[in-house]
Structures are given as C-alpha cells and as structure tokens.
mmCIF file of all heavy atoms, coordinates in Angstrom:
data_MODEL
# 
_entry.id   MODEL 
# 
loop_
_atom_site.group_PDB 
_atom_site.id 
_atom_site.type_symbol 
_atom_site.label_atom_id 
_atom_site.label_alt_id 
_atom_site.label_comp_id 
_atom_site.label_asym_id 
_atom_site.label_entity_id 
_atom_site.label_seq_id 
_atom_site.pdbx_PDB_ins_code 
_atom_site.Cartn_x 
_atom_site.Cartn_y 
_atom_site.Cartn_z 
_atom_site.occupancy 
_atom_site.B_iso_or_equiv 
_atom_site.pdbx_formal_charge 
_atom_site.auth_seq_id 
_atom_site.auth_comp_id 
_atom_site.auth_asym_id 
_atom_site.auth_atom_id 
_atom_site.pdbx_PDB_model_num 
ATOM 1   N N   . GLY A 1 1  ? 8.668  -5.003 13.402  1.00 0.00 ? 1  GLY A N   1 
ATOM 2   C CA  . GLY A 1 1  ? 7.778  -5.980 14.008  1.00 0.00 ? 1  GLY A CA  1 
ATOM 3   C C   . GLY A 1 1  ? 7.275  -5.504 15.361  1.00 0.00 ? 1  GLY A C   1 
ATOM 4   O O   . GLY A 1 1  ? 6.179  -5.921 15.795  1.00 0.00 ? 1  GLY A O   1 
ATOM 5   N N   . GLU A 1 2  ? 8.009  -4.641 16.040  1.00 0.00 ? 2  GLU A N   1 
ATOM 6   C CA  . GLU A 1 2  ? 7.634  -4.214 17.414  1.00 0.00 ? 2  GLU A CA  1 
ATOM 7   C C   . GLU A 1 2  ? 7.037  -2.822 17.386  1.00 0.00 ? 2  GLU A C   1 
ATOM 8   O O   . GLU A 1 2  ? 6.836  -2.209 18.437  1.00 0.00 ? 2  GLU A O   1 
ATOM 9   C CB  . GLU A 1 2  ? 8.862  -4.260 18.318  1.00 0.00 ? 2  GLU A CB  1 
ATOM 10  C CG  . GLU A 1 2  ? 9.443  -5.631 18.522  1.00 0.00 ? 2  GLU A CG  1 
ATOM 11  C CD  . GLU A 1 2  ? 10.707 -5.590 19.371  1.00 0.00 ? 2  GLU A CD  1 
ATOM 12  O OE1 . GLU A 1 2  ? 11.182 -4.493 19.694  1.00 0.00 ? 2  GLU A OE1 1 
ATOM 13  O OE2 . GLU A 1 2  ? 11.229 -6.698 19.652  1.00 0.00 ? 2  GLU A OE2 1 
ATOM 14  N N   . SER A 1 3  ? 6.802  -2.295 16.182  1.00 0.00 ? 3  SER A N   1 
ATOM 15  C CA  . SER A 1 3  ? 6.287  -0.927 16.115  1.00 0.00 ? 3  SER A CA  1 
ATOM 16  C C   . SER A 1 3  ? 4.877  -0.858 16.644  1.00 0.00 ? 3  SER A C   1 
ATOM 17  O O   . SER A 1 3  ? 4.139  -1.856 16.657  1.00 0.00 ? 3  SER A O   1 
ATOM 18  C CB  . SER A 1 3  ? 6.249  -0.434 14.650  1.00 0.00 ? 3  SER A CB  1 
ATOM 19  O OG  . SER A 1 3  ? 5.495  -1.319 13.819  1.00 0.00 ? 3  SER A OG  1 
ATOM 20  N N   . GLY A 1 4  ? 4.488  0.315  17.126  1.00 0.00 ? 4  GLY A N   1 
ATOM 21  C CA  . GLY A 1 4  ? 3.138  0.497  17.646  1.00 0.00 ? 4  GLY A CA  1 
ATOM 22  C C   . GLY A 1 4  ? 2.117  0.517  16.548  1.00 0.00 ? 4  GLY A C   1 
ATOM 23  O O   . GLY A 1 4  ? 2.440  0.605  15.383  1.00 0.00 ? 4  GLY A O   1 
ATOM 24  N N   . TYR A 1 5  ? 0.841  0.518  16.971  1.00 0.00 ? 5  TYR A N   1 
ATOM 25  C CA  . TYR A 1 5  ? -0.257 0.453  16.000  1.00 0.00 ? 5  TYR A CA  1 
ATOM 26  C C   . TYR A 1 5  ? -0.218 1.628  15.053  1.00 0.00 ? 5  TYR A C   1 
ATOM 27  O O   . TYR A 1 5  ? -0.418 1.481  13.829  1.00 0.00 ? 5  TYR A O   1 
ATOM 28  C CB  . TYR A 1 5  ? -1.630 0.429  16.738  1.00 0.00 ? 5  TYR A CB  1 
ATOM 29  C CG  . TYR A 1 5  ? -2.767 0.710  15.833  1.00 0.00 ? 5  TYR A CG  1 
ATOM 30  C CD1 . TYR A 1 5  ? -3.264 -0.313 15.014  1.00 0.00 ? 5  TYR A CD1 1 
ATOM 31  C CD2 . TYR A 1 5  ? -3.361 2.012  15.790  1.00 0.00 ? 5  TYR A CD2 1 
ATOM 32  C CE1 . TYR A 1 5  ? -4.356 -0.035 14.149  1.00 0.00 ? 5  TYR A CE1 1 
ATOM 33  C CE2 . TYR A 1 5  ? -4.382 2.247  14.893  1.00 0.00 ? 5  TYR A CE2 1 
ATOM 34  C CZ  . TYR A 1 5  ? -4.901 1.220  14.078  1.00 0.00 ? 5  TYR A CZ  1 
ATOM 35  O OH  . TYR A 1 5  ? -5.925 1.489  13.215  1.00 0.00 ? 5  TYR A OH  1 
ATOM 36  N N   . TYR A 1 6  ? 0.046  2.836  15.544  1.00 0.00 ? 6  TYR A N   1 
ATOM 37  C CA  . TYR A 1 6  ? -0.051 4.038  14.716  1.00 0.00 ? 6  TYR A CA  1 
ATOM 38  C C   . TYR A 1 6  ? 0.954  3.980  13.559  1.00 0.00 ? 6  TYR A C   1 
ATOM 39  O O   . TYR A 1 6  ? 0.616  4.169  12.406  1.00 0.00 ? 6  TYR A O   1 
ATOM 40  C CB  . TYR A 1 6  ? 0.118  5.304  15.544  1.00 0.00 ? 6  TYR A CB  1 
ATOM 41  C CG  . TYR A 1 6  ? -0.331 6.517  14.895  1.00 0.00 ? 6  TYR A CG  1 
ATOM 42  C CD1 . TYR A 1 6  ? -1.710 6.843  14.836  1.00 0.00 ? 6  TYR A CD1 1 
ATOM 43  C CD2 . TYR A 1 6  ? 0.571  7.424  14.306  1.00 0.00 ? 6  TYR A CD2 1 
ATOM 44  C CE1 . TYR A 1 6  ? -2.152 8.018  14.255  1.00 0.00 ? 6  TYR A CE1 1 
ATOM 45  C CE2 . TYR A 1 6  ? 0.096  8.620  13.692  1.00 0.00 ? 6  TYR A CE2 1 
ATOM 46  C CZ  . TYR A 1 6  ? -1.258 8.887  13.677  1.00 0.00 ? 6  TYR A CZ  1 
ATOM 47  O OH  . TYR A 1 6  ? -1.683 10.061 13.069  1.00 0.00 ? 6  TYR A OH  1 
ATOM 48  N N   . LEU A 1 7  ? 2.180  3.681  13.909  1.00 0.00 ? 7  LEU A N   1 
ATOM 49  C CA  . LEU A 1 7  ? 3.273  3.599  12.944  1.00 0.00 ? 7  LEU A CA  1 
ATOM 50  C C   . LEU A 1 7  ? 2.981  2.417  11.916  1.00 0.00 ? 7  LEU A C   1 
ATOM 51  O O   . LEU A 1 7  ? 3.098  2.564  10.680  1.00 0.00 ? 7  LEU A O   1 
ATOM 52  C CB  . LEU A 1 7  ? 4.590  3.461  13.545  1.00 0.00 ? 7  LEU A CB  1 
ATOM 53  C CG  . LEU A 1 7  ? 5.815  3.301  12.643  1.00 0.00 ? 7  LEU A CG  1 
ATOM 54  C CD1 . LEU A 1 7  ? 5.895  4.452  11.641  1.00 0.00 ? 7  LEU A CD1 1 
ATOM 55  C CD2 . LEU A 1 7  ? 7.071  3.244  13.498  1.00 0.00 ? 7  LEU A CD2 1 
ATOM 56  N N   . ARG A 1 8  ? 2.586  1.297  12.488  1.00 0.00 ? 8  ARG A N   1 
ATOM 57  C CA  . ARG A 1 8  ? 2.400  0.138  11.616  1.00 0.00 ? 8  ARG A CA  1 
ATOM 58  C C   . ARG A 1 8  ? 1.239  0.320  10.695  1.00 0.00 ? 8  ARG A C   1 
ATOM 59  O O   . ARG A 1 8  ? 1.312  -0.016 9.517   1.00 0.00 ? 8  ARG A O   1 
ATOM 60  C CB  . ARG A 1 8  ? 2.138  -1.121 12.560  1.00 0.00 ? 8  ARG A CB  1 
ATOM 61  C CG  . ARG A 1 8  ? 1.988  -2.416 11.789  1.00 0.00 ? 8  ARG A CG  1 
ATOM 62  C CD  . ARG A 1 8  ? 1.984  -3.592 12.694  1.00 0.00 ? 8  ARG A CD  1 
ATOM 63  N NE  . ARG A 1 8  ? 0.851  -3.619 13.622  1.00 0.00 ? 8  ARG A NE  1 
ATOM 64  C CZ  . ARG A 1 8  ? 0.947  -3.351 14.919  1.00 0.00 ? 8  ARG A CZ  1 
ATOM 65  N NH1 . ARG A 1 8  ? 2.107  -3.003 15.475  1.00 0.00 ? 8  ARG A NH1 1 
ATOM 66  N NH2 . ARG A 1 8  ? -0.129 -3.376 15.709  1.00 0.00 ? 8  ARG A NH2 1 
ATOM 67  N N   . SER A 1 9  ? 0.151  0.856  11.185  1.00 0.00 ? 9  SER A N   1 
ATOM 68  C CA  . SER A 1 9  ? -1.012 1.062  10.315  1.00 0.00 ? 9  SER A CA  1 
ATOM 69  C C   . SER A 1 9  ? -0.790 2.197  9.323   1.00 0.00 ? 9  SER A C   1 
ATOM 70  O O   . SER A 1 9  ? -1.368 2.173  8.220   1.00 0.00 ? 9  SER A O   1 
ATOM 71  C CB  . SER A 1 9  ? -2.260 1.328  11.174  1.00 0.00 ? 9  SER A CB  1 
ATOM 72  O OG  . SER A 1 9  ? -2.103 2.518  11.961  1.00 0.00 ? 9  SER A OG  1 
ATOM 73  N N   . PHE A 1 10 ? 0.026  3.131  9.672   1.00 0.00 ? 10 PHE A N   1 
ATOM 74  C CA  . PHE A 1 10 ? 0.402  4.198  8.704   1.00 0.00 ? 10 PHE A CA  1 
ATOM 75  C C   . PHE A 1 10 ? 1.134  3.582  7.567   1.00 0.00 ? 10 PHE A C   1 
ATOM 76  O O   . PHE A 1 10 ? 0.853  3.845  6.362   1.00 0.00 ? 10 PHE A O   1 
ATOM 77  C CB  . PHE A 1 10 ? 1.299  5.225  9.423   1.00 0.00 ? 10 PHE A CB  1 
ATOM 78  C CG  . PHE A 1 10 ? 1.144  6.656  8.884   1.00 0.00 ? 10 PHE A CG  1 
ATOM 79  C CD1 . PHE A 1 10 ? 1.152  7.755  9.781   1.00 0.00 ? 10 PHE A CD1 1 
ATOM 80  C CD2 . PHE A 1 10 ? 1.010  6.902  7.499   1.00 0.00 ? 10 PHE A CD2 1 
ATOM 81  C CE1 . PHE A 1 10 ? 1.056  9.037  9.272   1.00 0.00 ? 10 PHE A CE1 1 
ATOM 82  C CE2 . PHE A 1 10 ? 0.884  8.217  7.019   1.00 0.00 ? 10 PHE A CE2 1 
ATOM 83  C CZ  . PHE A 1 10 ? 0.877  9.228  7.895   1.00 0.00 ? 10 PHE A CZ  1 
ATOM 84  N N   . ALA A 1 11 ? 2.164  2.797  7.876   1.00 0.00 ? 11 ALA A N   1 
ATOM 85  C CA  . ALA A 1 11 ? 2.928  2.146  6.786   1.00 0.00 ? 11 ALA A CA  1 
ATOM 86  C C   . ALA A 1 11 ? 2.011  1.245  5.957   1.00 0.00 ? 11 ALA A C   1 
ATOM 87  O O   . ALA A 1 11 ? 2.127  1.204  4.698   1.00 0.00 ? 11 ALA A O   1 
ATOM 88  C CB  . ALA A 1 11 ? 4.026  1.301  7.409   1.00 0.00 ? 11 ALA A CB  1 
ATOM 89  N N   . TYR A 1 12 ? 1.110  0.549  6.605   1.00 0.00 ? 12 TYR A N   1 
ATOM 90  C CA  . TYR A 1 12 ? 0.162  -0.356 5.874   1.00 0.00 ? 12 TYR A CA  1 
ATOM 91  C C   . TYR A 1 12 ? -0.682 0.414  4.944   1.00 0.00 ? 12 TYR A C   1 
ATOM 92  O O   . TYR A 1 12 ? -0.865 0.019  3.762   1.00 0.00 ? 12 TYR A O   1 
ATOM 93  C CB  . TYR A 1 12 ? -0.676 -1.063 6.940   1.00 0.00 ? 12 TYR A CB  1 
ATOM 94  C CG  . TYR A 1 12 ? -1.841 -1.880 6.352   1.00 0.00 ? 12 TYR A CG  1 
ATOM 95  C CD1 . TYR A 1 12 ? -1.643 -3.078 5.723   1.00 0.00 ? 12 TYR A CD1 1 
ATOM 96  C CD2 . TYR A 1 12 ? -3.164 -1.423 6.446   1.00 0.00 ? 12 TYR A CD2 1 
ATOM 97  C CE1 . TYR A 1 12 ? -2.671 -3.827 5.215   1.00 0.00 ? 12 TYR A CE1 1 
ATOM 98  C CE2 . TYR A 1 12 ? -4.170 -2.142 5.969   1.00 0.00 ? 12 TYR A CE2 1 
ATOM 99  C CZ  . TYR A 1 12 ? -3.941 -3.346 5.333   1.00 0.00 ? 12 TYR A CZ  1 
ATOM 100 O OH  . TYR A 1 12 ? -4.973 -4.084 4.871   1.00 0.00 ? 12 TYR A OH  1 
ATOM 101 N N   . ARG A 1 13 ? -1.201 1.585  5.326   1.00 0.00 ? 13 ARG A N   1 
ATOM 102 C CA  . ARG A 1 13 ? -2.081 2.355  4.485   1.00 0.00 ? 13 ARG A CA  1 
ATOM 103 C C   . ARG A 1 13 ? -1.318 2.910  3.286   1.00 0.00 ? 13 ARG A C   1 
ATOM 104 O O   . ARG A 1 13 ? -1.877 2.966  2.151   1.00 0.00 ? 13 ARG A O   1 
ATOM 105 C CB  . ARG A 1 13 ? -2.710 3.475  5.256   1.00 0.00 ? 13 ARG A CB  1 
ATOM 106 C CG  . ARG A 1 13 ? -3.648 2.919  6.354   1.00 0.00 ? 13 ARG A CG  1 
ATOM 107 C CD  . ARG A 1 13 ? -4.390 4.036  7.102   1.00 0.00 ? 13 ARG A CD  1 
ATOM 108 N NE  . ARG A 1 13 ? -5.074 3.496  8.273   1.00 0.00 ? 13 ARG A NE  1 
ATOM 109 C CZ  . ARG A 1 13 ? -6.055 4.136  8.906   1.00 0.00 ? 13 ARG A CZ  1 
ATOM 110 N NH1 . ARG A 1 13 ? -6.485 5.268  8.445   1.00 0.00 ? 13 ARG A NH1 1 
ATOM 111 N NH2 . ARG A 1 13 ? -6.660 3.555  9.928   1.00 0.00 ? 13 ARG A NH2 1 
ATOM 112 N N   . ILE A 1 14 ? -0.089 3.328  3.449   1.00 0.00 ? 14 ILE A N   1 
ATOM 113 C CA  . ILE A 1 14 ? 0.721  3.771  2.379   1.00 0.00 ? 14 ILE A CA  1 
ATOM 114 C C   . ILE A 1 14 ? 0.912  2.679  1.319   1.00 0.00 ? 14 ILE A C   1 
ATOM 115 O O   . ILE A 1 14 ? 0.690  2.914  0.141   1.00 0.00 ? 14 ILE A O   1 
ATOM 116 C CB  . ILE A 1 14 ? 2.121  4.285  2.850   1.00 0.00 ? 14 ILE A CB  1 
ATOM 117 C CG1 . ILE A 1 14 ? 1.959  5.568  3.643   1.00 0.00 ? 14 ILE A CG1 1 
ATOM 118 C CG2 . ILE A 1 14 ? 3.054  4.494  1.620   1.00 0.00 ? 14 ILE A CG2 1 
ATOM 119 C CD1 . ILE A 1 14 ? 3.239  6.002  4.371   1.00 0.00 ? 14 ILE A CD1 1 
ATOM 120 N N   . LEU A 1 15 ? 1.312  1.517  1.775   1.00 0.00 ? 15 LEU A N   1 
ATOM 121 C CA  . LEU A 1 15 ? 1.592  0.393  0.859   1.00 0.00 ? 15 LEU A CA  1 
ATOM 122 C C   . LEU A 1 15 ? 0.376  -0.071 0.150   1.00 0.00 ? 15 LEU A C   1 
ATOM 123 O O   . LEU A 1 15 ? 0.387  -0.499 -1.004  1.00 0.00 ? 15 LEU A O   1 
ATOM 124 C CB  . LEU A 1 15 ? 2.304  -0.732 1.608   1.00 0.00 ? 15 LEU A CB  1 
ATOM 125 C CG  . LEU A 1 15 ? 3.713  -0.374 2.121   1.00 0.00 ? 15 LEU A CG  1 
ATOM 126 C CD1 . LEU A 1 15 ? 4.308  -1.538 2.926   1.00 0.00 ? 15 LEU A CD1 1 
ATOM 127 C CD2 . LEU A 1 15 ? 4.616  -0.013 0.984   1.00 0.00 ? 15 LEU A CD2 1 
ATOM 128 N N   . CYS A 1 16 ? -0.759 -0.053 0.890   1.00 0.00 ? 16 CYS A N   1 
ATOM 129 C CA  . CYS A 1 16 ? -2.083 -0.484 0.275   1.00 0.00 ? 16 CYS A CA  1 
ATOM 130 C C   . CYS A 1 16 ? -2.416 0.439  -0.904  1.00 0.00 ? 16 CYS A C   1 
ATOM 131 O O   . CYS A 1 16 ? -2.875 -0.017 -1.934  1.00 0.00 ? 16 CYS A O   1 
ATOM 132 C CB  . CYS A 1 16 ? -3.173 -0.496 1.312   1.00 0.00 ? 16 CYS A CB  1 
ATOM 133 S SG  . CYS A 1 16 ? -3.161 -1.956 2.335   1.00 0.00 ? 16 CYS A SG  1 
ATOM 134 N N   . LEU A 1 17 ? -2.267 1.773  -0.694  1.00 0.00 ? 17 LEU A N   1 
ATOM 135 C CA  . LEU A 1 17 ? -2.579 2.705  -1.733  1.00 0.00 ? 17 LEU A CA  1 
ATOM 136 C C   . LEU A 1 17 ? -1.662 2.508  -2.940  1.00 0.00 ? 17 LEU A C   1 
ATOM 137 O O   . LEU A 1 17 ? -2.138 2.447  -4.070  1.00 0.00 ? 17 LEU A O   1 
ATOM 138 C CB  . LEU A 1 17 ? -2.448 4.116  -1.237  1.00 0.00 ? 17 LEU A CB  1 
ATOM 139 C CG  . LEU A 1 17 ? -2.734 5.195  -2.327  1.00 0.00 ? 17 LEU A CG  1 
ATOM 140 C CD1 . LEU A 1 17 ? -4.139 5.180  -2.835  1.00 0.00 ? 17 LEU A CD1 1 
ATOM 141 C CD2 . LEU A 1 17 ? -2.342 6.599  -1.840  1.00 0.00 ? 17 LEU A CD2 1 
ATOM 142 N N   . VAL A 1 18 ? -0.404 2.368  -2.696  1.00 0.00 ? 18 VAL A N   1 
ATOM 143 C CA  . VAL A 1 18 ? 0.539  2.209  -3.794  1.00 0.00 ? 18 VAL A CA  1 
ATOM 144 C C   . VAL A 1 18 ? 0.280  0.920  -4.531  1.00 0.00 ? 18 VAL A C   1 
ATOM 145 O O   . VAL A 1 18 ? 0.316  0.851  -5.784  1.00 0.00 ? 18 VAL A O   1 
ATOM 146 C CB  . VAL A 1 18 ? 2.023  2.282  -3.268  1.00 0.00 ? 18 VAL A CB  1 
ATOM 147 C CG1 . VAL A 1 18 ? 2.981  1.942  -4.406  1.00 0.00 ? 18 VAL A CG1 1 
ATOM 148 C CG2 . VAL A 1 18 ? 2.314  3.636  -2.667  1.00 0.00 ? 18 VAL A CG2 1 
ATOM 149 N N   . ALA A 1 19 ? -0.039 -0.130 -3.788  1.00 0.00 ? 19 ALA A N   1 
ATOM 150 C CA  . ALA A 1 19 ? -0.341 -1.425 -4.400  1.00 0.00 ? 19 ALA A CA  1 
ATOM 151 C C   . ALA A 1 19 ? -1.531 -1.340 -5.324  1.00 0.00 ? 19 ALA A C   1 
ATOM 152 O O   . ALA A 1 19 ? -1.550 -1.866 -6.437  1.00 0.00 ? 19 ALA A O   1 
ATOM 153 C CB  . ALA A 1 19 ? -0.608 -2.503 -3.316  1.00 0.00 ? 19 ALA A CB  1 
ATOM 154 N N   . THR A 1 20 ? -2.545 -0.593 -4.875  1.00 0.00 ? 20 THR A N   1 
ATOM 155 C CA  . THR A 1 20 ? -3.766 -0.440 -5.710  1.00 0.00 ? 20 THR A CA  1 
ATOM 156 C C   . THR A 1 20 ? -3.493 0.383  -6.929  1.00 0.00 ? 20 THR A C   1 
ATOM 157 O O   . THR A 1 20 ? -3.967 0.089  -8.030  1.00 0.00 ? 20 THR A O   1 
ATOM 158 C CB  . THR A 1 20 ? -4.880 0.240  -4.854  1.00 0.00 ? 20 THR A CB  1 
ATOM 159 O OG1 . THR A 1 20 ? -5.083 -0.516 -3.618  1.00 0.00 ? 20 THR A OG1 1 
ATOM 160 C CG2 . THR A 1 20 ? -6.155 0.294  -5.627  1.00 0.00 ? 20 THR A CG2 1 
ATOM 161 N N   . CYS A 1 21 ? -2.740 1.462  -6.792  1.00 0.00 ? 21 CYS A N   1 
ATOM 162 C CA  . CYS A 1 21 ? -2.356 2.293  -7.998  1.00 0.00 ? 21 CYS A CA  1 
ATOM 163 C C   . CYS A 1 21 ? -1.592 1.432  -8.947  1.00 0.00 ? 21 CYS A C   1 
ATOM 164 O O   . CYS A 1 21 ? -1.827 1.584  -10.203 1.00 0.00 ? 21 CYS A O   1 
ATOM 165 C CB  . CYS A 1 21 ? -1.546 3.515  -7.548  1.00 0.00 ? 21 CYS A CB  1 
ATOM 166 S SG  . CYS A 1 21 ? -2.435 4.757  -6.612  1.00 0.00 ? 21 CYS A SG  1 
ATOM 167 N N   . ARG A 1 22 ? -0.778 0.579  -8.480  1.00 0.00 ? 22 ARG A N   1 
ATOM 168 C CA  . ARG A 1 22 ? -0.004 -0.294 -9.424  1.00 0.00 ? 22 ARG A CA  1 
ATOM 169 C C   . ARG A 1 22 ? -0.888 -1.360 -10.093 1.00 0.00 ? 22 ARG A C   1 
ATOM 170 O O   . ARG A 1 22 ? -0.707 -1.631 -11.269 1.00 0.00 ? 22 ARG A O   1 
ATOM 171 C CB  . ARG A 1 22 ? 1.160  -0.958 -8.645  1.00 0.00 ? 22 ARG A CB  1 
ATOM 172 C CG  . ARG A 1 22 ? 2.319  0.001  -8.481  1.00 0.00 ? 22 ARG A CG  1 
ATOM 173 C CD  . ARG A 1 22 ? 3.492  -0.668 -7.755  1.00 0.00 ? 22 ARG A CD  1 
ATOM 174 N NE  . ARG A 1 22 ? 3.869  -1.935 -8.384  1.00 0.00 ? 22 ARG A NE  1 
ATOM 175 C CZ  . ARG A 1 22 ? 4.588  -2.086 -9.549  1.00 0.00 ? 22 ARG A CZ  1 
ATOM 176 N NH1 . ARG A 1 22 ? 4.920  -1.024 -10.222 1.00 0.00 ? 22 ARG A NH1 1 
ATOM 177 N NH2 . ARG A 1 22 ? 4.856  -3.292 -9.979  1.00 0.00 ? 22 ARG A NH2 1 
ATOM 178 N N   . LEU A 1 23 ? -1.862 -1.849 -9.375  1.00 0.00 ? 23 LEU A N   1 
ATOM 179 C CA  . LEU A 1 23 ? -2.825 -2.757 -9.958  1.00 0.00 ? 23 LEU A CA  1 
ATOM 180 C C   . LEU A 1 23 ? -3.537 -2.088 -11.162 1.00 0.00 ? 23 LEU A C   1 
ATOM 181 O O   . LEU A 1 23 ? -3.665 -2.678 -12.224 1.00 0.00 ? 23 LEU A O   1 
ATOM 182 C CB  . LEU A 1 23 ? -3.821 -3.214 -8.919  1.00 0.00 ? 23 LEU A CB  1 
ATOM 183 C CG  . LEU A 1 23 ? -3.436 -4.270 -7.933  1.00 0.00 ? 23 LEU A CG  1 
ATOM 184 C CD1 . LEU A 1 23 ? -4.490 -4.423 -6.861  1.00 0.00 ? 23 LEU A CD1 1 
ATOM 185 C CD2 . LEU A 1 23 ? -3.212 -5.627 -8.658  1.00 0.00 ? 23 LEU A CD2 1 
ATOM 186 N N   . ILE A 1 24 ? -3.952 -0.859 -10.953 1.00 0.00 ? 24 ILE A N   1 
ATOM 187 C CA  . ILE A 1 24 ? -4.648 -0.138 -11.966 1.00 0.00 ? 24 ILE A CA  1 
ATOM 188 C C   . ILE A 1 24 ? -3.698 0.159  -13.174 1.00 0.00 ? 24 ILE A C   1 
ATOM 189 O O   . ILE A 1 24 ? -4.088 0.064  -14.312 1.00 0.00 ? 24 ILE A O   1 
ATOM 190 C CB  . ILE A 1 24 ? -5.292 1.132  -11.408 1.00 0.00 ? 24 ILE A CB  1 
ATOM 191 C CG1 . ILE A 1 24 ? -6.399 0.802  -10.386 1.00 0.00 ? 24 ILE A CG1 1 
ATOM 192 C CG2 . ILE A 1 24 ? -5.848 2.014  -12.539 1.00 0.00 ? 24 ILE A CG2 1 
ATOM 193 C CD1 . ILE A 1 24 ? -6.919 1.979  -9.606  1.00 0.00 ? 24 ILE A CD1 1 
ATOM 194 N N   . GLU A 1 25 ? -2.490 0.525  -12.884 1.00 0.00 ? 25 GLU A N   1 
ATOM 195 C CA  . GLU A 1 25 ? -1.498 0.798  -13.914 1.00 0.00 ? 25 GLU A CA  1 
ATOM 196 C C   . GLU A 1 25 ? -1.281 -0.445 -14.765 1.00 0.00 ? 25 GLU A C   1 
ATOM 197 O O   . GLU A 1 25 ? -1.212 -0.339 -16.007 1.00 0.00 ? 25 GLU A O   1 
ATOM 198 C CB  . GLU A 1 25 ? -0.184 1.236  -13.263 1.00 0.00 ? 25 GLU A CB  1 
ATOM 199 C CG  . GLU A 1 25 ? -0.023 2.724  -12.980 1.00 0.00 ? 25 GLU A CG  1 
ATOM 200 C CD  . GLU A 1 25 ? 1.394  3.073  -12.675 1.00 0.00 ? 25 GLU A CD  1 
ATOM 201 O OE1 . GLU A 1 25 ? 2.079  2.251  -12.053 1.00 0.00 ? 25 GLU A OE1 1 
ATOM 202 O OE2 . GLU A 1 25 ? 1.792  4.207  -13.032 1.00 0.00 ? 25 GLU A OE2 1 
ATOM 203 N N   . ARG A 1 26 ? -1.143 -1.572 -14.155 1.00 0.00 ? 26 ARG A N   1 
ATOM 204 C CA  . ARG A 1 26 ? -0.920 -2.819 -14.885 1.00 0.00 ? 26 ARG A CA  1 
ATOM 205 C C   . ARG A 1 26 ? -2.087 -3.173 -15.746 1.00 0.00 ? 26 ARG A C   1 
ATOM 206 O O   . ARG A 1 26 ? -1.908 -3.777 -16.828 1.00 0.00 ? 26 ARG A O   1 
ATOM 207 C CB  . ARG A 1 26 ? -0.608 -3.935 -13.893 1.00 0.00 ? 26 ARG A CB  1 
ATOM 208 C CG  . ARG A 1 26 ? 0.814  -3.847 -13.323 1.00 0.00 ? 26 ARG A CG  1 
ATOM 209 C CD  . ARG A 1 26 ? 1.298  -5.189 -12.724 1.00 0.00 ? 26 ARG A CD  1 
ATOM 210 N NE  . ARG A 1 26 ? 0.518  -5.580 -11.586 1.00 0.00 ? 26 ARG A NE  1 
ATOM 211 C CZ  . ARG A 1 26 ? 0.735  -5.204 -10.350 1.00 0.00 ? 26 ARG A CZ  1 
ATOM 212 N NH1 . ARG A 1 26 ? 1.756  -4.395 -10.091 1.00 0.00 ? 26 ARG A NH1 1 
ATOM 213 N NH2 . ARG A 1 26 ? -0.011 -5.613 -9.349  1.00 0.00 ? 26 ARG A NH2 1 
ATOM 214 N N   . GLN A 1 27 ? -3.322 -2.898 -15.332 1.00 0.00 ? 27 GLN A N   1 
ATOM 215 C CA  . GLN A 1 27 ? -4.492 -3.160 -16.093 1.00 0.00 ? 27 GLN A CA  1 
ATOM 216 C C   . GLN A 1 27 ? -4.414 -2.465 -17.476 1.00 0.00 ? 27 GLN A C   1 
ATOM 217 O O   . GLN A 1 27 ? -4.859 -2.912 -18.504 1.00 0.00 ? 27 GLN A O   1 
ATOM 218 C CB  . GLN A 1 27 ? -5.771 -2.838 -15.383 1.00 0.00 ? 27 GLN A CB  1 
ATOM 219 C CG  . GLN A 1 27 ? -6.048 -3.726 -14.184 1.00 0.00 ? 27 GLN A CG  1 
ATOM 220 C CD  . GLN A 1 27 ? -6.138 -5.201 -14.564 1.00 0.00 ? 27 GLN A CD  1 
ATOM 221 O OE1 . GLN A 1 27 ? -6.845 -5.537 -15.498 1.00 0.00 ? 27 GLN A OE1 1 
ATOM 222 N NE2 . GLN A 1 27 ? -5.433 -6.013 -13.814 1.00 0.00 ? 27 GLN A NE2 1 
ATOM 223 N N   . ALA A 1 28 ? -3.878 -1.260 -17.410 1.00 0.00 ? 28 ALA A N   1 
ATOM 224 C CA  . ALA A 1 28 ? -3.777 -0.431 -18.632 1.00 0.00 ? 28 ALA A CA  1 
ATOM 225 C C   . ALA A 1 28 ? -2.779 -0.897 -19.621 1.00 0.00 ? 28 ALA A C   1 
ATOM 226 O O   . ALA A 1 28 ? -2.831 -0.612 -20.775 1.00 0.00 ? 28 ALA A O   1 
ATOM 227 C CB  . ALA A 1 28 ? -3.445 1.005  -18.234 1.00 0.00 ? 28 ALA A CB  1 
ATOM 228 N N   . LEU A 1 29 ? -1.912 -1.827 -19.178 1.00 0.00 ? 29 LEU A N   1 
ATOM 229 C CA  . LEU A 1 29 ? -0.888 -2.366 -20.025 1.00 0.00 ? 29 LEU A CA  1 
ATOM 230 C C   . LEU A 1 29 ? -1.491 -3.342 -21.045 1.00 0.00 ? 29 LEU A C   1 
ATOM 231 O O   . LEU A 1 29 ? -0.913 -3.570 -22.159 1.00 0.00 ? 29 LEU A O   1 
ATOM 232 C CB  . LEU A 1 29 ? 0.178  -3.107 -19.241 1.00 0.00 ? 29 LEU A CB  1 
ATOM 233 C CG  . LEU A 1 29 ? 1.069  -2.261 -18.339 1.00 0.00 ? 29 LEU A CG  1 
ATOM 234 C CD1 . LEU A 1 29 ? 2.022  -3.126 -17.532 1.00 0.00 ? 29 LEU A CD1 1 
ATOM 235 C CD2 . LEU A 1 29 ? 1.824  -1.217 -19.102 1.00 0.00 ? 29 LEU A CD2 1 
ATOM 236 N N   . TYR A 1 30 ? -2.628 -3.883 -20.768 1.00 0.00 ? 30 TYR A N   1 
ATOM 237 C CA  . TYR A 1 30 ? -3.273 -4.865 -21.602 1.00 0.00 ? 30 TYR A CA  1 
ATOM 238 C C   . TYR A 1 30 ? -4.188 -4.353 -22.653 1.00 0.00 ? 30 TYR A C   1 
ATOM 239 O O   . TYR A 1 30 ? -4.786 -5.089 -23.435 1.00 0.00 ? 30 TYR A O   1 
ATOM 240 C CB  . TYR A 1 30 ? -4.014 -5.909 -20.698 1.00 0.00 ? 30 TYR A CB  1 
ATOM 241 C CG  . TYR A 1 30 ? -3.109 -6.657 -19.769 1.00 0.00 ? 30 TYR A CG  1 
ATOM 242 C CD1 . TYR A 1 30 ? -3.073 -6.275 -18.428 1.00 0.00 ? 30 TYR A CD1 1 
ATOM 243 C CD2 . TYR A 1 30 ? -2.237 -7.662 -20.181 1.00 0.00 ? 30 TYR A CD2 1 
ATOM 244 C CE1 . TYR A 1 30 ? -2.294 -6.953 -17.469 1.00 0.00 ? 30 TYR A CE1 1 
ATOM 245 C CE2 . TYR A 1 30 ? -1.449 -8.279 -19.273 1.00 0.00 ? 30 TYR A CE2 1 
ATOM 246 C CZ  . TYR A 1 30 ? -1.461 -7.942 -17.952 1.00 0.00 ? 30 TYR A CZ  1 
ATOM 247 O OH  . TYR A 1 30 ? -0.639 -8.600 -17.055 1.00 0.00 ? 30 TYR A OH  1 
# 
C-alpha cells in the first residue's frame, strides 16, 4: 500500500495483462 508509483503501476500492468489473457482463455472454453 505504501509502494511508490513505479512499483505499484508495474504490478498493476502485469496483473492487467494476465487478467486479459485469462479472459480470452475463458472465452475459448465455450
């Protein structure tokens, strides 16, 4: 919670990409 912008936004970008890849993967299940 106290991390600086660079570290926080880096983690955010990683998780956003992984979340999007998983969204696409789940669509293929149907």
